[in-house]
Amino acid sequence: MLGNKRGDNFIYETVIFIVLNITFFVVMLLFVGRATSGAGFLEQIYAKQIALVIDQARPGMSVSFGMQDAIVLVKSLDKSKEGWESAQILEDVVKINTLENKVIVKIGSRGGYSFRYFSDYGIRAETRGNVFYILVEEASK
């Protein structure tokens, strides 16, 4: 009974192969689900656009971004935010970190996308309705 162990290795190899394949396909399904929701793509677009506009802006400028697509996507992905005002959702979605010069956009439940800008001007962000405003001020010394 203990002398013939050739079949044991075959079973372990098969089980490990099946477990690894299942894990791979689950990860792929999660990735495809996130990619098809469009959240990651919109996060990149908005973060890069906002950062590039900040880099090109001068003191005294006010720039507005219509972000209706992001609001609709947030409401469809997170049912708990159905009753929220658009301005509340945008405050939760877009953050500007002036200490690190970084724009952070987070539409989905996890992750998010950040993009750096180089401008040293003071940046103030406001939301009104479904519009996100950036106000550029002189640099605080």
N, C-alpha and C. Protein backbone atom coordinates (compact mmCIF):
# COMPACT_ATOMS: atom_id res chain seq x y z
N MET A 1 0.82 -1.19 0.00
CA MET A 1 0.00 0.00 0.00
C MET A 1 0.86 1.25 0.00
N LEU A 2 1.96 1.30 0.73
CA LEU A 2 2.81 2.47 0.78
C LEU A 2 3.83 2.50 -0.35
N GLY A 3 4.00 1.42 -1.08
CA GLY A 3 5.03 1.33 -2.10
C GLY A 3 4.65 2.02 -3.41
N ASN A 4 3.36 2.17 -3.74
CA ASN A 4 2.96 2.72 -5.03
C ASN A 4 2.37 4.11 -4.84
N LYS A 5 3.17 5.18 -5.05
CA LYS A 5 2.73 6.57 -4.83
C LYS A 5 2.68 7.36 -6.14
N ARG A 6 2.76 6.70 -7.31
CA ARG A 6 2.79 7.42 -8.57
C ARG A 6 1.50 8.20 -8.81
N GLY A 7 0.38 7.76 -8.39
CA GLY A 7 -0.91 8.42 -8.62
C GLY A 7 -1.14 9.64 -7.75
N ASP A 8 -0.48 9.71 -6.59
CA ASP A 8 -0.67 10.84 -5.68
C ASP A 8 -0.21 12.16 -6.29
N ASN A 9 0.95 12.17 -6.92
CA ASN A 9 1.46 13.40 -7.52
C ASN A 9 0.56 13.91 -8.62
N PHE A 10 -0.02 13.04 -9.39
CA PHE A 10 -0.91 13.43 -10.47
C PHE A 10 -2.15 14.15 -9.93
N ILE A 11 -2.70 13.68 -8.84
CA ILE A 11 -3.89 14.31 -8.26
C ILE A 11 -3.55 15.69 -7.72
N TYR A 12 -2.45 15.83 -7.01
CA TYR A 12 -2.05 17.14 -6.48
C TYR A 12 -1.80 18.14 -7.60
N GLU A 13 -1.11 17.71 -8.66
CA GLU A 13 -0.84 18.59 -9.79
C GLU A 13 -2.13 19.04 -10.46
N THR A 14 -3.07 18.15 -10.61
CA THR A 14 -4.35 18.48 -11.24
C THR A 14 -5.14 19.46 -10.38
N VAL A 15 -5.20 19.24 -9.07
CA VAL A 15 -5.93 20.13 -8.17
C VAL A 15 -5.30 21.53 -8.19
N ILE A 16 -3.99 21.59 -8.12
CA ILE A 16 -3.31 22.89 -8.15
C ILE A 16 -3.57 23.59 -9.48
N PHE A 17 -3.54 22.88 -10.58
CA PHE A 17 -3.80 23.45 -11.90
C PHE A 17 -5.22 24.02 -11.96
N ILE A 18 -6.18 23.29 -11.47
CA ILE A 18 -7.58 23.75 -11.50
C ILE A 18 -7.76 24.98 -10.61
N VAL A 19 -7.19 24.98 -9.43
CA VAL A 19 -7.31 26.13 -8.52
C VAL A 19 -6.67 27.37 -9.14
N LEU A 20 -5.50 27.22 -9.73
CA LEU A 20 -4.84 28.36 -10.37
C LEU A 20 -5.65 28.89 -11.55
N ASN A 21 -6.24 28.01 -12.33
CA ASN A 21 -7.07 28.45 -13.46
C ASN A 21 -8.32 29.19 -12.98
N ILE A 22 -8.96 28.68 -11.96
CA ILE A 22 -10.14 29.36 -11.42
C ILE A 22 -9.77 30.73 -10.89
N THR A 23 -8.66 30.82 -10.17
CA THR A 23 -8.20 32.11 -9.64
C THR A 23 -7.92 33.09 -10.79
N PHE A 24 -7.25 32.63 -11.82
CA PHE A 24 -6.95 33.48 -12.97
C PHE A 24 -8.23 34.00 -13.62
N PHE A 25 -9.20 33.15 -13.84
CA PHE A 25 -10.42 33.59 -14.50
C PHE A 25 -11.26 34.52 -13.62
N VAL A 26 -11.24 34.33 -12.32
CA VAL A 26 -11.95 35.24 -11.43
C VAL A 26 -11.31 36.63 -11.48
N VAL A 27 -9.99 36.69 -11.45
CA VAL A 27 -9.29 37.97 -11.55
C VAL A 27 -9.59 38.64 -12.89
N MET A 28 -9.59 37.88 -13.96
CA MET A 28 -9.90 38.44 -15.28
C MET A 28 -11.33 38.96 -15.34
N LEU A 29 -12.27 38.26 -14.76
CA LEU A 29 -13.66 38.72 -14.75
C LEU A 29 -13.80 40.01 -13.96
N LEU A 30 -13.10 40.12 -12.84
CA LEU A 30 -13.14 41.36 -12.06
C LEU A 30 -12.55 42.51 -12.86
N PHE A 31 -11.45 42.27 -13.54
CA PHE A 31 -10.82 43.31 -14.36
C PHE A 31 -11.75 43.73 -15.50
N VAL A 32 -12.34 42.79 -16.18
CA VAL A 32 -13.24 43.11 -17.29
C VAL A 32 -14.47 43.85 -16.77
N GLY A 33 -14.99 43.45 -15.62
CA GLY A 33 -16.14 44.15 -15.05
C GLY A 33 -15.83 45.59 -14.73
N ARG A 34 -14.66 45.84 -14.20
CA ARG A 34 -14.27 47.22 -13.89
C ARG A 34 -14.03 48.02 -15.17
N ALA A 35 -13.41 47.40 -16.14
CA ALA A 35 -13.11 48.10 -17.39
C ALA A 35 -14.38 48.43 -18.16
N THR A 36 -15.35 47.55 -18.14
CA THR A 36 -16.58 47.80 -18.90
C THR A 36 -17.48 48.82 -18.23
N SER A 37 -17.32 49.05 -16.94
CA SER A 37 -18.14 50.06 -16.27
C SER A 37 -17.72 51.45 -16.72
N GLY A 38 -16.49 51.61 -17.20
CA GLY A 38 -16.01 52.90 -17.66
C GLY A 38 -15.47 53.78 -16.56
N ALA A 39 -15.51 53.32 -15.32
CA ALA A 39 -15.07 54.14 -14.19
C ALA A 39 -13.58 54.47 -14.30
N GLY A 40 -12.75 53.49 -14.57
CA GLY A 40 -11.31 53.73 -14.66
C GLY A 40 -10.95 54.67 -15.79
N PHE A 41 -11.63 54.52 -16.91
CA PHE A 41 -11.38 55.37 -18.06
C PHE A 41 -11.77 56.82 -17.77
N LEU A 42 -12.94 57.02 -17.19
CA LEU A 42 -13.39 58.38 -16.85
C LEU A 42 -12.51 59.00 -15.77
N GLU A 43 -12.06 58.20 -14.81
CA GLU A 43 -11.16 58.72 -13.78
C GLU A 43 -9.89 59.28 -14.41
N GLN A 44 -9.32 58.54 -15.35
CA GLN A 44 -8.10 59.02 -16.01
C GLN A 44 -8.36 60.28 -16.81
N ILE A 45 -9.45 60.31 -17.55
CA ILE A 45 -9.76 61.47 -18.38
C ILE A 45 -9.91 62.72 -17.53
N TYR A 46 -10.74 62.65 -16.50
CA TYR A 46 -11.00 63.83 -15.67
C TYR A 46 -9.74 64.27 -14.91
N ALA A 47 -8.99 63.33 -14.35
CA ALA A 47 -7.79 63.69 -13.59
C ALA A 47 -6.77 64.38 -14.49
N LYS A 48 -6.55 63.85 -15.67
CA LYS A 48 -5.58 64.44 -16.59
C LYS A 48 -6.04 65.79 -17.10
N GLN A 49 -7.32 65.91 -17.45
CA GLN A 49 -7.83 67.19 -17.94
C GLN A 49 -7.71 68.28 -16.88
N ILE A 50 -8.11 67.96 -15.67
CA ILE A 50 -8.06 68.96 -14.60
C ILE A 50 -6.62 69.36 -14.32
N ALA A 51 -5.71 68.39 -14.26
CA ALA A 51 -4.30 68.70 -13.99
C ALA A 51 -3.69 69.53 -15.11
N LEU A 52 -4.00 69.21 -16.35
CA LEU A 52 -3.45 69.98 -17.47
C LEU A 52 -4.00 71.40 -17.51
N VAL A 53 -5.26 71.56 -17.16
CA VAL A 53 -5.85 72.90 -17.12
C VAL A 53 -5.21 73.72 -16.00
N ILE A 54 -4.97 73.10 -14.85
CA ILE A 54 -4.32 73.79 -13.74
C ILE A 54 -2.93 74.26 -14.17
N ASP A 55 -2.19 73.42 -14.90
CA ASP A 55 -0.86 73.80 -15.36
C ASP A 55 -0.89 74.98 -16.32
N GLN A 56 -1.93 75.10 -17.11
CA GLN A 56 -2.03 76.18 -18.09
C GLN A 56 -2.68 77.45 -17.54
N ALA A 57 -3.30 77.36 -16.38
CA ALA A 57 -4.06 78.48 -15.82
C ALA A 57 -3.14 79.54 -15.22
N ARG A 58 -3.67 80.74 -15.13
CA ARG A 58 -2.97 81.87 -14.52
C ARG A 58 -3.83 82.42 -13.39
N PRO A 59 -3.24 83.14 -12.44
CA PRO A 59 -4.01 83.69 -11.32
C PRO A 59 -5.18 84.55 -11.82
N GLY A 60 -6.30 84.37 -11.15
CA GLY A 60 -7.51 85.09 -11.50
C GLY A 60 -8.43 84.32 -12.42
N MET A 61 -7.95 83.22 -12.96
CA MET A 61 -8.78 82.42 -13.87
C MET A 61 -9.72 81.51 -13.08
N SER A 62 -10.86 81.27 -13.69
CA SER A 62 -11.83 80.32 -13.16
C SER A 62 -12.18 79.37 -14.30
N VAL A 63 -12.05 78.09 -14.06
CA VAL A 63 -12.31 77.09 -15.09
C VAL A 63 -13.39 76.15 -14.58
N SER A 64 -14.33 75.82 -15.47
CA SER A 64 -15.42 74.92 -15.07
C SER A 64 -15.38 73.64 -15.89
N PHE A 65 -15.78 72.55 -15.26
CA PHE A 65 -15.85 71.25 -15.89
C PHE A 65 -17.25 70.69 -15.68
N GLY A 66 -17.95 70.41 -16.76
CA GLY A 66 -19.23 69.71 -16.66
C GLY A 66 -18.96 68.23 -16.47
N MET A 67 -19.41 67.68 -15.38
CA MET A 67 -19.08 66.30 -15.03
C MET A 67 -20.32 65.43 -14.88
N GLN A 68 -21.30 65.63 -15.75
CA GLN A 68 -22.54 64.87 -15.68
C GLN A 68 -22.29 63.38 -15.87
N ASP A 69 -21.36 63.01 -16.75
CA ASP A 69 -21.06 61.58 -16.98
C ASP A 69 -20.59 60.90 -15.71
N ALA A 70 -19.73 61.58 -14.96
CA ALA A 70 -19.21 61.01 -13.72
C ALA A 70 -20.32 60.85 -12.69
N ILE A 71 -21.21 61.83 -12.60
CA ILE A 71 -22.30 61.77 -11.63
C ILE A 71 -23.24 60.61 -11.94
N VAL A 72 -23.59 60.45 -13.21
CA VAL A 72 -24.47 59.34 -13.62
C VAL A 72 -23.81 58.01 -13.32
N LEU A 73 -22.51 57.89 -13.60
CA LEU A 73 -21.81 56.63 -13.36
C LEU A 73 -21.70 56.32 -11.87
N VAL A 74 -21.44 57.33 -11.05
CA VAL A 74 -21.37 57.12 -9.60
C VAL A 74 -22.71 56.64 -9.08
N LYS A 75 -23.79 57.25 -9.53
CA LYS A 75 -25.12 56.84 -9.06
C LYS A 75 -25.46 55.42 -9.52
N SER A 76 -25.00 55.02 -10.69
CA SER A 76 -25.30 53.67 -11.16
C SER A 76 -24.45 52.62 -10.44
N LEU A 77 -23.22 52.99 -10.07
CA LEU A 77 -22.34 52.04 -9.39
C LEU A 77 -22.61 51.94 -7.89
N ASP A 78 -23.02 53.05 -7.27
CA ASP A 78 -23.22 53.09 -5.83
C ASP A 78 -24.66 53.52 -5.54
N LYS A 79 -25.52 52.56 -5.31
CA LYS A 79 -26.94 52.84 -5.10
C LYS A 79 -27.20 53.64 -3.83
N SER A 80 -26.26 53.66 -2.89
CA SER A 80 -26.46 54.42 -1.66
C SER A 80 -26.39 55.93 -1.91
N LYS A 81 -25.87 56.34 -3.08
CA LYS A 81 -25.76 57.77 -3.40
C LYS A 81 -26.88 58.25 -4.31
N GLU A 82 -27.93 57.46 -4.46
CA GLU A 82 -29.05 57.83 -5.33
C GLU A 82 -29.68 59.15 -4.95
N GLY A 83 -29.87 59.42 -3.67
CA GLY A 83 -30.54 60.63 -3.23
C GLY A 83 -29.62 61.83 -3.04
N TRP A 84 -28.35 61.65 -3.28
CA TRP A 84 -27.38 62.73 -3.06
C TRP A 84 -27.53 63.80 -4.12
N GLU A 85 -27.20 65.02 -3.74
CA GLU A 85 -27.13 66.12 -4.69
C GLU A 85 -25.89 65.94 -5.56
N SER A 86 -25.93 66.51 -6.77
CA SER A 86 -24.79 66.39 -7.68
C SER A 86 -23.53 67.01 -7.09
N ALA A 87 -23.67 68.14 -6.40
CA ALA A 87 -22.51 68.81 -5.81
C ALA A 87 -21.87 67.94 -4.73
N GLN A 88 -22.69 67.23 -3.95
CA GLN A 88 -22.14 66.34 -2.92
C GLN A 88 -21.35 65.21 -3.56
N ILE A 89 -21.86 64.67 -4.65
CA ILE A 89 -21.18 63.57 -5.33
C ILE A 89 -19.84 64.06 -5.89
N LEU A 90 -19.83 65.24 -6.51
CA LEU A 90 -18.58 65.76 -7.07
C LEU A 90 -17.55 66.04 -5.99
N GLU A 91 -17.98 66.52 -4.83
CA GLU A 91 -17.03 66.74 -3.73
C GLU A 91 -16.39 65.43 -3.30
N ASP A 92 -17.15 64.35 -3.41
CA ASP A 92 -16.64 63.03 -3.04
C ASP A 92 -15.77 62.43 -4.15
N VAL A 93 -16.04 62.79 -5.41
CA VAL A 93 -15.36 62.20 -6.55
C VAL A 93 -14.01 62.88 -6.82
N VAL A 94 -13.97 64.21 -6.83
CA VAL A 94 -12.76 64.95 -7.21
C VAL A 94 -12.15 65.61 -5.99
N LYS A 95 -10.89 65.34 -5.78
CA LYS A 95 -10.14 65.97 -4.69
C LYS A 95 -8.86 66.55 -5.27
N ILE A 96 -8.49 67.74 -4.80
CA ILE A 96 -7.24 68.35 -5.22
C ILE A 96 -6.36 68.48 -3.99
N ASN A 97 -5.24 67.79 -4.02
CA ASN A 97 -4.28 67.81 -2.92
C ASN A 97 -3.23 68.86 -3.26
N THR A 98 -3.35 70.04 -2.67
CA THR A 98 -2.44 71.14 -2.98
C THR A 98 -1.06 70.96 -2.34
N LEU A 99 -0.95 70.12 -1.32
CA LEU A 99 0.35 69.87 -0.71
C LEU A 99 1.25 69.04 -1.62
N GLU A 100 0.66 68.08 -2.32
CA GLU A 100 1.41 67.20 -3.21
C GLU A 100 1.22 67.56 -4.68
N ASN A 101 0.44 68.63 -4.96
CA ASN A 101 0.13 69.04 -6.34
C ASN A 101 -0.45 67.86 -7.13
N LYS A 102 -1.54 67.33 -6.63
CA LYS A 102 -2.10 66.12 -7.21
C LYS A 102 -3.62 66.25 -7.33
N VAL A 103 -4.16 65.82 -8.47
CA VAL A 103 -5.60 65.73 -8.67
C VAL A 103 -5.97 64.26 -8.52
N ILE A 104 -6.96 63.98 -7.67
CA ILE A 104 -7.38 62.61 -7.42
C ILE A 104 -8.86 62.49 -7.80
N VAL A 105 -9.16 61.57 -8.70
CA VAL A 105 -10.54 61.32 -9.13
C VAL A 105 -10.87 59.88 -8.79
N LYS A 106 -11.95 59.69 -8.03
CA LYS A 106 -12.34 58.35 -7.60
C LYS A 106 -13.83 58.18 -7.86
N ILE A 107 -14.15 57.49 -8.95
CA ILE A 107 -15.54 57.27 -9.32
C ILE A 107 -16.04 55.94 -8.76
N GLY A 108 -15.24 54.90 -8.87
CA GLY A 108 -15.63 53.58 -8.38
C GLY A 108 -15.50 53.47 -6.87
N SER A 109 -15.81 52.30 -6.36
CA SER A 109 -15.78 52.09 -4.91
C SER A 109 -14.36 51.96 -4.37
N ARG A 110 -13.42 51.59 -5.23
CA ARG A 110 -12.03 51.48 -4.77
C ARG A 110 -11.11 51.99 -5.85
N GLY A 111 -9.88 52.19 -5.47
CA GLY A 111 -8.89 52.64 -6.44
C GLY A 111 -8.93 54.13 -6.63
N GLY A 112 -9.23 54.55 -7.82
CA GLY A 112 -9.18 55.95 -8.17
C GLY A 112 -7.95 56.20 -9.02
N TYR A 113 -7.82 57.41 -9.51
CA TYR A 113 -6.69 57.76 -10.36
C TYR A 113 -6.18 59.13 -9.94
N SER A 114 -4.88 59.26 -9.81
CA SER A 114 -4.30 60.55 -9.45
C SER A 114 -3.32 60.97 -10.53
N PHE A 115 -3.24 62.28 -10.72
CA PHE A 115 -2.34 62.84 -11.72
C PHE A 115 -1.75 64.11 -11.15
N ARG A 116 -0.45 64.27 -11.30
CA ARG A 116 0.25 65.42 -10.72
C ARG A 116 0.19 66.62 -11.65
N TYR A 117 0.18 67.80 -11.06
CA TYR A 117 0.33 69.04 -11.82
C TYR A 117 1.52 69.79 -11.27
N PHE A 118 2.03 70.76 -12.02
CA PHE A 118 3.29 71.41 -11.67
C PHE A 118 3.11 72.86 -11.22
N SER A 119 1.96 73.40 -11.39
CA SER A 119 1.72 74.80 -11.05
C SER A 119 1.87 75.05 -9.55
N ASP A 120 2.45 76.19 -9.21
CA ASP A 120 2.61 76.55 -7.80
C ASP A 120 1.56 77.56 -7.33
N TYR A 121 0.60 77.86 -8.17
CA TYR A 121 -0.45 78.80 -7.80
C TYR A 121 -1.38 78.16 -6.77
N GLY A 122 -2.10 79.00 -6.06
CA GLY A 122 -3.09 78.50 -5.12
C GLY A 122 -4.31 78.01 -5.91
N ILE A 123 -4.76 76.84 -5.59
CA ILE A 123 -5.89 76.24 -6.28
C ILE A 123 -7.02 76.03 -5.29
N ARG A 124 -8.20 76.52 -5.65
CA ARG A 124 -9.38 76.32 -4.82
C ARG A 124 -10.44 75.64 -5.69
N ALA A 125 -11.09 74.64 -5.17
CA ALA A 125 -12.11 73.90 -5.91
C ALA A 125 -13.48 74.13 -5.30
N GLU A 126 -14.47 74.27 -6.17
CA GLU A 126 -15.86 74.44 -5.73
C GLU A 126 -16.75 73.58 -6.62
N THR A 127 -17.89 73.18 -6.08
CA THR A 127 -18.88 72.46 -6.87
C THR A 127 -20.21 73.17 -6.77
N ARG A 128 -20.85 73.30 -7.91
CA ARG A 128 -22.21 73.86 -7.97
C ARG A 128 -22.99 73.01 -8.96
N GLY A 129 -23.95 72.28 -8.45
CA GLY A 129 -24.71 71.39 -9.32
C GLY A 129 -23.82 70.30 -9.87
N ASN A 130 -23.87 70.11 -11.20
CA ASN A 130 -23.03 69.09 -11.80
C ASN A 130 -21.78 69.69 -12.45
N VAL A 131 -21.38 70.88 -11.98
CA VAL A 131 -20.21 71.57 -12.52
C VAL A 131 -19.15 71.69 -11.43
N PHE A 132 -17.93 71.36 -11.80
CA PHE A 132 -16.78 71.44 -10.91
C PHE A 132 -15.96 72.65 -11.33
N TYR A 133 -15.72 73.57 -10.41
CA TYR A 133 -14.98 74.81 -10.69
C TYR A 133 -13.60 74.78 -10.06
N ILE A 134 -12.64 75.31 -10.79
CA ILE A 134 -11.30 75.50 -10.27
C ILE A 134 -11.02 76.99 -10.30
N LEU A 135 -10.63 77.53 -9.17
CA LEU A 135 -10.29 78.94 -9.06
C LEU A 135 -8.79 79.04 -8.79
N VAL A 136 -8.09 79.76 -9.65
CA VAL A 136 -6.65 79.88 -9.54
C VAL A 136 -6.31 81.21 -8.89
N GLU A 137 -5.51 81.16 -7.84
CA GLU A 137 -5.15 82.35 -7.07
C GLU A 137 -3.63 82.48 -7.04
N GLU A 138 -3.16 83.61 -6.61
CA GLU A 138 -1.72 83.81 -6.43
C GLU A 138 -1.20 82.79 -5.41
N ALA A 139 0.03 82.41 -5.59
CA ALA A 139 0.63 81.43 -4.70
C ALA A 139 0.75 82.02 -3.29
N SER A 140 0.39 81.23 -2.30
CA SER A 140 0.56 81.67 -0.91
C SER A 140 1.99 81.36 -0.48
N LYS A 141 2.67 82.35 0.06
CA LYS A 141 4.10 82.18 0.40
C LYS A 141 4.30 81.85 1.84
